[in-house]
Amino acid sequence: MAIGSFKQALHMLRQESRSRTPYRINQWFKWLAPGLSVKRWLLISAAGVVLTGLGLAIWIKLTPIFKAIQFIEEVVGTLANILPNYISGPLVLLCGLLLIFWGQTRTVGSITDVLRTEGDEELIDVLLNHRRLHRGPKIVAIGGGTGLSTLLRGLKTYSANITAIVTVADDGGSSGRLRREIGVLPPGDIRNCLAALASEEKLLTELFQYRFQAGDGLTGHSFGNLFLTAMSEITGDLEQAIAASSDVLAVQGKVLPATLSDVRLWADLADGRRIEGESNITKAGGSIIKIGCTPANPPALPRVIQAIKEADYIIIGPGSLYTSVIPNLLVPEIAEAIASRCRGGETPPVPCIYVCNIMTQPGETQGYSVSDHIRAIDAVCGQRLFSAVLVHKKSPSEHSLSRYAQENSYPVFLDRETVSKLGRRIVLANVMDEDEETGLVRHNPERLAGVLLRWYSRA
């Protein structure tokens, strides 16, 4: 009985060993992948060993080395007499290669055990992924709200060279309270983008997004907003606070406010009213005919303009048209920098695309078609900023349509001819996520990023 159990265990071990062997060999060969800067250092190390031996031989006038060579020659000669050279030569060579392979494997294994990240991911896979991401295109994404953070979650799987330019016009919720009570720039949209780009462990990101449910003065505030506010007070401005938070969350890319000015939105409605404050514009429920900000023409953050000038790819949206996307473009330097990069001139033009919303938004874009979204951006900037527009292809389910109809929200209609007359290419794709229970419709981060990167590679 015991012998039978032993044989069964031995058989299972052999099967597991066989299944693991191809995997381990594959992992070892990954270290020879191009771009890891491993092979060159191994060759340099080998050259160093040869030079060290040569230098030692010259220094001691070859006497001990000559004796050692003679001894090796005698051993090899004796071995050749016992076994033919066509057998003994490959055998010795194989033993040498096995020793080198064993030594290098154990060395890499020891290093891997120390540097291995949490989870089952191998160190070589981490290095290859790091190399791939840092060779990705320099992407500038412009917007705010949940739309931009959704996009960033998808983009970070393709590139680590991402710069998110975020509006600071928010004056509602926790951000609005901190803005009124302490006088800091609203941190809410920035917090969401930092969390979206974070590569740190899940618990730390959840902590940053945690919203207090009780407490005198704390209810409704998120920990991340309070952290950014405290860091702004300590460092002196929001830009430095974002940099510190990025280090804490191991953010992959950069998040930058469009401006450090205390910007407040206003909108003129078709019924003659002027509404002030970002949160009040949507609540007013009118038709927006003009939008602006106070102070007018705020200065851009210099790093924002630098990021746009160095960009390989510029993405505008998705997000609330008048309260998330356009506020960034009310900074004249940003709009001009985008237009310049898309037109080209001193440098080749870069692809620039606008991601249109899936549904209209009551109080902002009710009744808007795709061309209406484009015209609104063109009117604010006084020029064309992008050459293509990404539009969702498939209509939501009846359940979702019924849910949104109760809020006077409908799918954004694609008026192809008008969009073409505006000189924009149409990129149609299925990029929607739909919650079957609530009927909520959102962009899918992975599919959205995948479509955008495929279009970029062909542009």
Protein backbone atom coordinates (compact mmCIF):
# COMPACT_ATOMS: atom_id res chain seq x y z
CA MET A 1 0.00 0.00 0.00
CA ALA A 2 2.77 2.41 0.98
CA ILE A 3 4.78 1.47 -2.13
CA GLY A 4 1.74 2.08 -4.32
CA SER A 5 1.18 5.52 -2.81
CA PHE A 6 4.85 6.34 -3.25
CA LYS A 7 4.72 5.34 -6.94
CA GLN A 8 1.58 7.43 -7.45
CA ALA A 9 3.21 10.48 -5.85
CA LEU A 10 6.34 9.96 -7.94
CA HIS A 11 4.24 9.73 -11.10
CA MET A 12 2.44 13.00 -10.24
CA LEU A 13 5.75 14.71 -9.57
CA ARG A 14 7.08 13.60 -12.94
CA GLN A 15 3.95 14.87 -14.71
CA GLU A 16 4.20 18.23 -12.92
CA SER A 17 7.91 18.44 -13.76
CA ARG A 18 7.19 17.75 -17.43
CA SER A 19 4.47 20.41 -17.52
CA ARG A 20 6.73 22.96 -15.82
CA THR A 21 9.81 22.26 -17.97
CA PRO A 22 8.60 23.94 -21.21
CA TYR A 23 7.37 26.90 -19.16
CA ARG A 24 10.72 27.31 -17.38
CA ILE A 25 12.65 27.01 -20.66
CA ASN A 26 10.39 29.65 -22.18
CA GLN A 27 11.01 31.95 -19.20
CA TRP A 28 14.81 31.47 -19.53
CA PHE A 29 14.78 32.28 -23.24
CA LYS A 30 12.86 35.49 -22.50
CA TRP A 31 16.05 36.83 -20.92
CA LEU A 32 17.55 36.78 -24.44
CA ALA A 33 14.73 38.94 -25.85
CA PRO A 34 15.97 42.07 -27.67
CA GLY A 35 15.92 45.36 -25.79
CA LEU A 36 16.43 44.03 -22.26
CA SER A 37 20.16 45.00 -22.21
CA VAL A 38 21.05 41.59 -20.75
CA LYS A 39 23.04 39.87 -23.52
CA ARG A 40 25.49 42.76 -23.94
CA TRP A 41 26.33 42.78 -20.23
CA LEU A 42 26.85 39.01 -20.19
CA LEU A 43 29.28 39.35 -23.10
CA ILE A 44 31.05 42.25 -21.39
CA SER A 45 31.33 40.14 -18.21
CA ALA A 46 32.81 37.25 -20.21
CA ALA A 47 35.30 39.62 -21.86
CA GLY A 48 36.22 40.92 -18.43
CA VAL A 49 36.98 37.40 -17.19
CA VAL A 50 39.23 36.77 -20.23
CA LEU A 51 41.08 40.07 -19.76
CA THR A 52 41.48 39.44 -16.04
CA GLY A 53 43.06 36.04 -16.75
CA LEU A 54 45.30 37.56 -19.43
CA GLY A 55 46.42 40.34 -17.12
CA LEU A 56 47.17 37.87 -14.33
CA ALA A 57 49.18 35.70 -16.73
CA ILE A 58 51.29 38.66 -17.85
CA TRP A 59 51.81 39.82 -14.27
CA ILE A 60 53.12 36.45 -12.99
CA LYS A 61 55.07 35.77 -16.22
CA LEU A 62 52.85 32.79 -17.11
CA THR A 63 54.67 30.37 -14.80
CA PRO A 64 51.71 28.97 -12.79
CA ILE A 65 49.40 29.30 -15.77
CA PHE A 66 51.85 27.38 -17.98
CA LYS A 67 51.93 24.55 -15.41
CA ALA A 68 48.12 24.58 -15.25
CA ILE A 69 47.88 24.40 -19.04
CA GLN A 70 50.31 21.49 -19.06
CA PHE A 71 48.21 19.66 -16.44
CA ILE A 72 45.02 20.28 -18.41
CA GLU A 73 46.77 19.08 -21.56
CA GLU A 74 47.77 15.84 -19.83
CA VAL A 75 44.22 15.29 -18.53
CA VAL A 76 42.72 15.98 -21.96
CA GLY A 77 45.29 13.68 -23.60
CA THR A 78 44.50 10.86 -21.17
CA LEU A 79 40.76 11.40 -21.74
CA ALA A 80 41.28 11.34 -25.52
CA ASN A 81 43.11 8.00 -25.21
CA ILE A 82 40.20 6.50 -23.28
CA LEU A 83 37.43 8.05 -25.43
CA PRO A 84 37.67 9.21 -29.05
CA ASN A 85 37.92 13.00 -29.47
CA TYR A 86 34.57 13.16 -31.30
CA ILE A 87 32.97 11.83 -28.10
CA SER A 88 35.13 13.35 -25.35
CA GLY A 89 35.21 16.84 -26.95
CA PRO A 90 31.40 17.36 -27.15
CA LEU A 91 31.02 15.71 -23.72
CA VAL A 92 33.40 18.16 -22.01
CA LEU A 93 31.85 21.06 -23.95
CA LEU A 94 28.37 20.01 -22.82
CA CYS A 95 29.52 19.78 -19.18
CA GLY A 96 30.97 23.29 -19.40
CA LEU A 97 27.79 24.72 -20.92
CA LEU A 98 25.67 22.99 -18.29
CA LEU A 99 27.78 24.48 -15.49
CA ILE A 100 27.49 27.97 -17.02
CA PHE A 101 23.75 27.54 -17.50
CA TRP A 102 23.28 26.23 -13.96
CA GLY A 103 25.31 29.07 -12.45
CA GLN A 104 23.48 31.76 -14.42
CA THR A 105 20.08 30.21 -13.63
CA ARG A 106 20.81 30.15 -9.91
CA THR A 107 22.10 33.73 -10.04
CA VAL A 108 18.99 34.99 -11.85
CA GLY A 109 16.79 32.92 -9.52
CA SER A 110 18.38 34.48 -6.43
CA ILE A 111 17.88 37.99 -7.83
CA THR A 112 14.30 37.17 -8.85
CA ASP A 113 13.41 35.96 -5.35
CA VAL A 114 14.45 39.32 -3.92
CA LEU A 115 12.92 41.55 -6.60
CA ARG A 116 9.80 39.53 -7.42
CA THR A 117 6.65 41.64 -7.22
CA GLU A 118 3.61 40.47 -5.28
CA GLY A 119 1.68 37.75 -7.10
CA ASP A 120 2.84 35.03 -9.44
CA GLU A 121 4.26 37.25 -12.19
CA GLU A 122 7.84 36.40 -13.08
CA LEU A 123 10.50 39.09 -12.89
CA ILE A 124 11.35 38.69 -16.58
CA ASP A 125 7.69 39.30 -17.48
CA VAL A 126 7.70 42.43 -15.34
CA LEU A 127 10.86 43.67 -17.07
CA LEU A 128 9.53 42.92 -20.56
CA ASN A 129 6.25 44.68 -19.79
CA HIS A 130 8.10 47.67 -18.31
CA ARG A 131 10.26 47.88 -21.44
CA ARG A 132 7.23 47.65 -23.74
CA LEU A 133 5.26 50.32 -21.89
CA HIS A 134 8.16 52.79 -21.77
CA ARG A 135 8.64 52.38 -25.51
CA GLY A 136 4.96 53.23 -26.09
CA PRO A 137 3.84 56.43 -27.84
CA LYS A 138 3.72 59.75 -25.99
CA ILE A 139 -0.02 60.20 -25.53
CA VAL A 140 -1.73 63.38 -24.34
CA ALA A 141 -5.32 62.87 -23.13
CA ILE A 142 -7.46 65.95 -22.46
CA GLY A 143 -10.69 66.09 -20.49
CA GLY A 144 -12.03 65.51 -17.01
CA GLY A 145 -14.71 63.70 -15.02
CA THR A 146 -15.27 59.95 -15.26
CA GLY A 147 -14.76 59.95 -19.04
CA LEU A 148 -11.06 60.77 -18.88
CA SER A 149 -10.32 58.38 -16.00
CA THR A 150 -12.09 55.59 -17.93
CA LEU A 151 -9.90 56.26 -20.97
CA LEU A 152 -6.72 56.30 -18.87
CA ARG A 153 -7.44 52.87 -17.37
CA GLY A 154 -7.29 51.44 -20.86
CA LEU A 155 -4.39 53.49 -22.21
CA LYS A 156 -2.00 52.54 -19.39
CA THR A 157 -1.86 48.97 -20.72
CA TYR A 158 -0.32 50.29 -23.97
CA SER A 159 2.04 53.04 -22.86
CA ALA A 160 3.66 54.51 -19.76
CA ASN A 161 4.22 57.81 -21.60
CA ILE A 162 0.78 59.26 -20.86
CA THR A 163 0.03 62.85 -19.88
CA ALA A 164 -3.50 63.54 -18.67
CA ILE A 165 -4.50 67.23 -18.86
CA VAL A 166 -7.35 67.81 -16.45
CA THR A 167 -9.81 70.64 -15.98
CA VAL A 168 -9.82 72.56 -12.67
CA ALA A 169 -13.24 74.18 -13.15
CA ASP A 170 -15.15 71.74 -10.91
CA ASP A 171 -17.06 73.44 -8.09
CA GLY A 172 -19.46 70.72 -6.94
CA GLY A 173 -19.36 67.95 -4.34
CA SER A 174 -16.29 67.42 -2.18
CA SER A 175 -14.07 69.41 -4.57
CA GLY A 176 -16.43 72.39 -4.45
CA ARG A 177 -16.56 72.36 -0.66
CA LEU A 178 -12.77 72.32 -0.38
CA ARG A 179 -12.54 75.06 -2.98
CA ARG A 180 -14.97 77.33 -1.08
CA GLU A 181 -13.76 76.57 2.45
CA ILE A 182 -9.99 76.38 1.95
CA GLY A 183 -9.42 78.15 -1.37
CA VAL A 184 -7.58 75.30 -3.11
CA LEU A 185 -8.06 74.25 -6.72
CA PRO A 186 -10.59 71.40 -7.04
CA PRO A 187 -8.78 68.06 -6.71
CA GLY A 188 -11.63 65.65 -7.63
CA ASP A 189 -10.97 65.02 -11.33
CA ILE A 190 -7.22 64.92 -10.69
CA ARG A 191 -7.72 62.34 -7.95
CA ASN A 192 -9.76 60.12 -10.30
CA CYS A 193 -7.05 60.29 -12.97
CA LEU A 194 -4.28 59.50 -10.50
CA ALA A 195 -6.22 56.45 -9.30
CA ALA A 196 -6.84 55.36 -12.92
CA LEU A 197 -3.12 55.52 -13.77
CA ALA A 198 -1.95 53.98 -10.48
CA SER A 199 0.07 50.78 -10.71
CA GLU A 200 0.32 50.41 -6.94
CA GLU A 201 -1.52 47.73 -5.02
CA LYS A 202 -5.32 47.78 -5.10
CA LEU A 203 -5.72 48.59 -1.40
CA LEU A 204 -3.77 51.85 -1.67
CA THR A 205 -5.83 52.97 -4.66
CA GLU A 206 -9.06 52.15 -2.81
CA LEU A 207 -7.79 54.20 0.14
CA PHE A 208 -7.19 57.18 -2.16
CA GLN A 209 -10.74 56.85 -3.53
CA TYR A 210 -12.35 56.21 -0.13
CA ARG A 211 -15.23 58.56 0.67
CA PHE A 212 -16.15 59.26 4.30
CA GLN A 213 -19.72 58.27 5.22
CA ALA A 214 -19.81 59.97 8.63
CA GLY A 215 -18.01 62.51 10.75
CA ASP A 216 -18.54 66.19 11.49
CA GLY A 217 -17.36 68.00 8.35
CA LEU A 218 -15.94 64.81 6.78
CA THR A 219 -19.10 63.33 5.28
CA GLY A 220 -18.90 63.26 1.48
CA HIS A 221 -15.18 64.05 1.31
CA SER A 222 -12.82 61.52 -0.27
CA PHE A 223 -9.49 60.69 1.34
CA GLY A 224 -7.69 61.52 -1.92
CA ASN A 225 -9.22 64.99 -2.07
CA LEU A 226 -8.14 65.70 1.51
CA PHE A 227 -4.67 64.29 0.82
CA LEU A 228 -4.22 66.48 -2.29
CA THR A 229 -5.52 69.50 -0.40
CA ALA A 230 -3.09 68.92 2.48
CA MET A 231 -0.21 68.38 0.04
CA SER A 232 -1.14 71.60 -1.80
CA GLU A 233 -0.89 73.48 1.48
CA ILE A 234 2.45 71.86 2.35
CA THR A 235 4.13 72.11 -1.06
CA GLY A 236 2.63 75.45 -2.04
CA ASP A 237 0.69 74.48 -5.19
CA LEU A 238 -1.38 71.74 -6.75
CA GLU A 239 1.29 70.74 -9.26
CA GLN A 240 3.71 69.70 -6.51
CA ALA A 241 0.89 67.99 -4.62
CA ILE A 242 0.08 65.88 -7.70
CA ALA A 243 3.75 64.92 -8.07
CA ALA A 244 3.88 63.73 -4.45
CA SER A 245 0.64 61.77 -4.83
CA SER A 246 1.94 60.21 -8.04
CA ASP A 247 4.93 58.83 -6.13
CA VAL A 248 2.66 57.37 -3.44
CA LEU A 249 0.42 55.62 -5.99
CA ALA A 250 3.27 54.67 -8.39
CA VAL A 251 1.40 56.45 -11.17
CA GLN A 252 2.24 55.34 -14.70
CA GLY A 253 2.41 58.64 -16.57
CA LYS A 254 1.66 62.21 -15.52
CA VAL A 255 -1.46 64.08 -14.45
CA LEU A 256 -1.38 67.85 -14.93
CA PRO A 257 -3.94 70.59 -14.26
CA ALA A 258 -4.69 72.66 -17.35
CA THR A 259 -3.97 75.84 -15.38
CA LEU A 260 -3.18 76.88 -11.82
CA SER A 261 -5.58 79.83 -12.07
CA ASP A 262 -8.79 79.80 -10.01
CA VAL A 263 -11.05 79.25 -13.05
CA ARG A 264 -14.83 79.56 -12.80
CA LEU A 265 -17.11 78.67 -15.69
CA TRP A 266 -20.05 80.69 -16.99
CA ALA A 267 -22.55 79.90 -19.72
CA ASP A 268 -25.04 81.97 -21.72
CA LEU A 269 -28.26 80.08 -22.37
CA ALA A 270 -30.67 80.42 -25.27
CA ASP A 271 -33.33 81.91 -22.95
CA GLY A 272 -31.04 84.83 -22.08
CA ARG A 273 -29.82 83.61 -18.69
CA ARG A 274 -26.14 83.64 -17.71
CA ILE A 275 -25.28 80.78 -15.35
CA GLU A 276 -22.10 80.89 -13.28
CA GLY A 277 -20.40 77.86 -11.78
CA GLU A 278 -19.71 74.47 -13.35
CA SER A 279 -22.19 72.59 -11.15
CA ASN A 280 -24.95 75.13 -11.84
CA ILE A 281 -24.67 74.99 -15.64
CA THR A 282 -26.00 71.44 -15.91
CA LYS A 283 -28.66 72.06 -13.26
CA ALA A 284 -29.98 75.10 -15.16
CA GLY A 285 -31.43 72.79 -17.81
CA GLY A 286 -31.16 75.27 -20.68
CA SER A 287 -29.58 75.23 -24.11
CA ILE A 288 -26.01 76.56 -24.02
CA ILE A 289 -25.12 79.02 -26.78
CA LYS A 290 -21.84 80.31 -25.35
CA ILE A 291 -19.42 79.29 -22.63
CA GLY A 292 -16.43 81.01 -21.06
CA CYS A 293 -14.51 81.36 -17.83
CA THR A 294 -13.42 83.91 -15.28
CA PRO A 295 -10.68 85.02 -15.46
CA ALA A 296 -10.72 85.03 -19.25
CA ASN A 297 -7.73 83.53 -21.08
CA PRO A 298 -6.07 81.86 -18.05
CA PRO A 299 -2.38 80.94 -18.51
CA ALA A 300 -1.52 77.31 -19.17
CA LEU A 301 0.77 75.30 -16.97
CA PRO A 302 4.15 75.30 -18.82
CA ARG A 303 4.52 71.52 -18.47
CA VAL A 304 1.18 71.08 -20.23
CA ILE A 305 2.37 72.98 -23.31
CA GLN A 306 5.64 71.04 -23.26
CA ALA A 307 3.76 67.72 -23.14
CA ILE A 308 1.60 68.72 -26.14
CA LYS A 309 4.67 69.81 -28.12
CA GLU A 310 6.33 66.44 -27.49
CA ALA A 311 3.20 64.32 -28.04
CA ASP A 312 2.96 61.54 -30.62
CA TYR A 313 -0.81 61.28 -30.23
CA ILE A 314 -3.50 63.63 -28.84
CA ILE A 315 -6.89 62.42 -27.59
CA ILE A 316 -9.71 64.80 -26.62
CA GLY A 317 -12.51 63.40 -24.46
CA PRO A 318 -14.64 61.53 -23.65
CA GLY A 319 -16.50 63.47 -20.99
CA SER A 320 -19.14 66.13 -20.44
CA LEU A 321 -18.71 68.44 -23.41
CA TYR A 322 -19.16 71.83 -21.72
CA THR A 323 -17.99 71.06 -18.17
CA SER A 324 -15.15 68.53 -18.67
CA VAL A 325 -13.71 68.82 -22.20
CA ILE A 326 -14.19 72.45 -23.25
CA PRO A 327 -12.90 74.02 -19.96
CA ASN A 328 -9.39 72.80 -20.88
CA LEU A 329 -9.71 74.45 -24.30
CA LEU A 330 -10.69 77.79 -22.73
CA VAL A 331 -7.00 78.08 -21.95
CA PRO A 332 -5.88 79.68 -25.27
CA GLU A 333 -2.31 78.35 -25.11
CA ILE A 334 -3.60 74.76 -24.87
CA ALA A 335 -5.96 75.13 -27.85
CA GLU A 336 -3.24 76.78 -29.94
CA ALA A 337 -0.65 74.13 -29.02
CA ILE A 338 -3.02 71.30 -30.01
CA ALA A 339 -3.94 72.98 -33.30
CA SER A 340 -0.26 73.56 -34.08
CA ARG A 341 0.65 69.92 -33.44
CA CYS A 342 -2.25 68.60 -35.52
CA ARG A 343 -1.52 70.95 -38.43
CA GLY A 344 2.20 70.31 -38.38
CA GLY A 345 4.75 72.90 -39.51
CA GLU A 346 8.20 72.79 -37.97
CA THR A 347 7.41 69.22 -36.87
CA PRO A 348 5.32 66.54 -38.66
CA PRO A 349 1.60 66.59 -37.75
CA VAL A 350 0.47 64.12 -35.10
CA PRO A 351 -2.82 62.18 -35.04
CA CYS A 352 -5.49 63.98 -33.06
CA ILE A 353 -8.92 62.43 -32.38
CA TYR A 354 -12.04 63.40 -30.46
CA VAL A 355 -13.91 60.66 -28.57
CA CYS A 356 -17.59 61.54 -28.76
CA ASN A 357 -19.97 60.67 -25.93
CA ILE A 358 -22.35 57.75 -26.35
CA MET A 359 -25.40 59.49 -24.85
CA THR A 360 -26.55 63.11 -24.80
CA GLN A 361 -26.38 64.89 -21.45
CA PRO A 362 -29.38 66.82 -20.09
CA GLY A 363 -28.53 70.43 -19.36
CA GLU A 364 -25.52 70.33 -21.71
CA THR A 365 -26.00 68.45 -24.97
CA GLN A 366 -29.67 67.51 -25.16
CA GLY A 367 -30.59 66.97 -28.81
CA TYR A 368 -26.95 67.13 -29.94
CA SER A 369 -25.66 65.08 -32.84
CA VAL A 370 -21.99 64.18 -33.41
CA SER A 371 -21.55 67.26 -35.63
CA ASP A 372 -23.02 69.48 -32.90
CA HIS A 373 -20.32 68.28 -30.50
CA ILE A 374 -17.66 69.04 -33.11
CA ARG A 375 -19.07 72.51 -33.89
CA ALA A 376 -19.19 73.39 -30.18
CA ILE A 377 -15.46 72.67 -29.81
CA ASP A 378 -14.60 74.49 -33.05
CA ALA A 379 -16.60 77.54 -31.94
CA VAL A 380 -14.82 77.79 -28.59
CA CYS A 381 -11.35 77.42 -30.12
CA GLY A 382 -11.95 79.35 -33.35
CA GLN A 383 -10.11 76.63 -35.28
CA ARG A 384 -9.98 72.89 -35.94
CA LEU A 385 -8.19 70.86 -33.27
CA PHE A 386 -8.69 67.29 -34.49
CA SER A 387 -8.99 65.40 -37.75
CA ALA A 388 -11.09 62.41 -36.67
CA VAL A 389 -13.94 61.55 -34.32
CA LEU A 390 -14.52 58.20 -32.62
CA VAL A 391 -18.22 57.28 -32.49
CA HIS A 392 -19.78 54.25 -30.82
CA LYS A 393 -21.35 51.96 -33.40
CA LYS A 394 -23.95 49.84 -31.61
CA SER A 395 -27.16 51.16 -30.03
CA PRO A 396 -27.74 50.42 -26.31
CA SER A 397 -30.40 47.89 -25.29
CA GLU A 398 -34.07 48.76 -24.88
CA HIS A 399 -33.61 48.59 -21.11
CA SER A 400 -30.87 51.24 -21.18
CA LEU A 401 -32.71 53.41 -23.71
CA SER A 402 -35.80 53.38 -21.49
CA ARG A 403 -33.73 54.26 -18.40
CA TYR A 404 -32.00 57.20 -20.12
CA ALA A 405 -35.21 58.43 -21.78
CA GLN A 406 -36.62 59.10 -18.30
CA GLU A 407 -33.77 61.62 -17.88
CA ASN A 408 -34.28 63.07 -21.39
CA SER A 409 -31.04 61.48 -22.58
CA TYR A 410 -30.68 59.67 -25.91
CA PRO A 411 -27.90 58.15 -28.06
CA VAL A 412 -25.82 60.76 -29.88
CA PHE A 413 -26.94 60.65 -33.52
CA LEU A 414 -24.23 60.23 -36.14
CA ASP A 415 -24.97 62.64 -39.01
CA ARG A 416 -22.33 61.34 -41.40
CA GLU A 417 -22.68 63.90 -44.19
CA THR A 418 -22.45 66.90 -41.88
CA VAL A 419 -19.43 65.42 -40.07
CA SER A 420 -17.73 64.83 -43.42
CA LYS A 421 -18.46 68.41 -44.49
CA LEU A 422 -16.73 69.55 -41.29
CA GLY A 423 -13.63 67.75 -42.59
CA ARG A 424 -13.52 64.96 -39.99
CA ARG A 425 -12.91 61.28 -40.50
CA ILE A 426 -15.33 58.98 -38.70
CA VAL A 427 -13.97 56.05 -36.70
CA LEU A 428 -16.84 53.65 -35.91
CA ALA A 429 -16.31 51.00 -33.22
CA ASN A 430 -18.08 49.08 -30.48
CA VAL A 431 -16.57 50.58 -27.33
CA MET A 432 -19.53 50.48 -24.93
CA ASP A 433 -20.06 48.79 -21.57
CA GLU A 434 -23.64 48.32 -20.44
CA ASP A 435 -24.73 47.41 -16.93
CA GLU A 436 -27.55 44.89 -17.31
CA GLU A 437 -29.05 45.69 -13.91
CA THR A 438 -28.91 49.50 -13.80
CA GLY A 439 -28.86 50.13 -17.55
CA LEU A 440 -25.91 52.52 -17.17
CA VAL A 441 -23.87 53.02 -20.33
CA ARG A 442 -20.14 53.78 -20.24
CA HIS A 443 -17.11 53.44 -22.48
CA ASN A 444 -15.22 50.19 -21.98
CA PRO A 445 -11.61 51.14 -21.06
CA GLU A 446 -9.89 48.21 -22.79
CA ARG A 447 -11.91 48.28 -26.02
CA LEU A 448 -11.73 52.09 -26.24
CA ALA A 449 -7.95 52.13 -25.79
CA GLY A 450 -7.52 49.24 -28.23
CA VAL A 451 -9.47 51.03 -30.99
CA LEU A 452 -7.61 54.30 -30.39
CA LEU A 453 -4.18 52.63 -30.55
CA ARG A 454 -5.08 50.69 -33.70
CA TRP A 455 -6.23 53.91 -35.37
CA TYR A 456 -3.00 55.60 -34.25
CA SER A 457 -0.86 52.85 -35.75
CA ARG A 458 -2.61 53.35 -39.12
CA ALA A 459 -2.81 57.15 -39.03
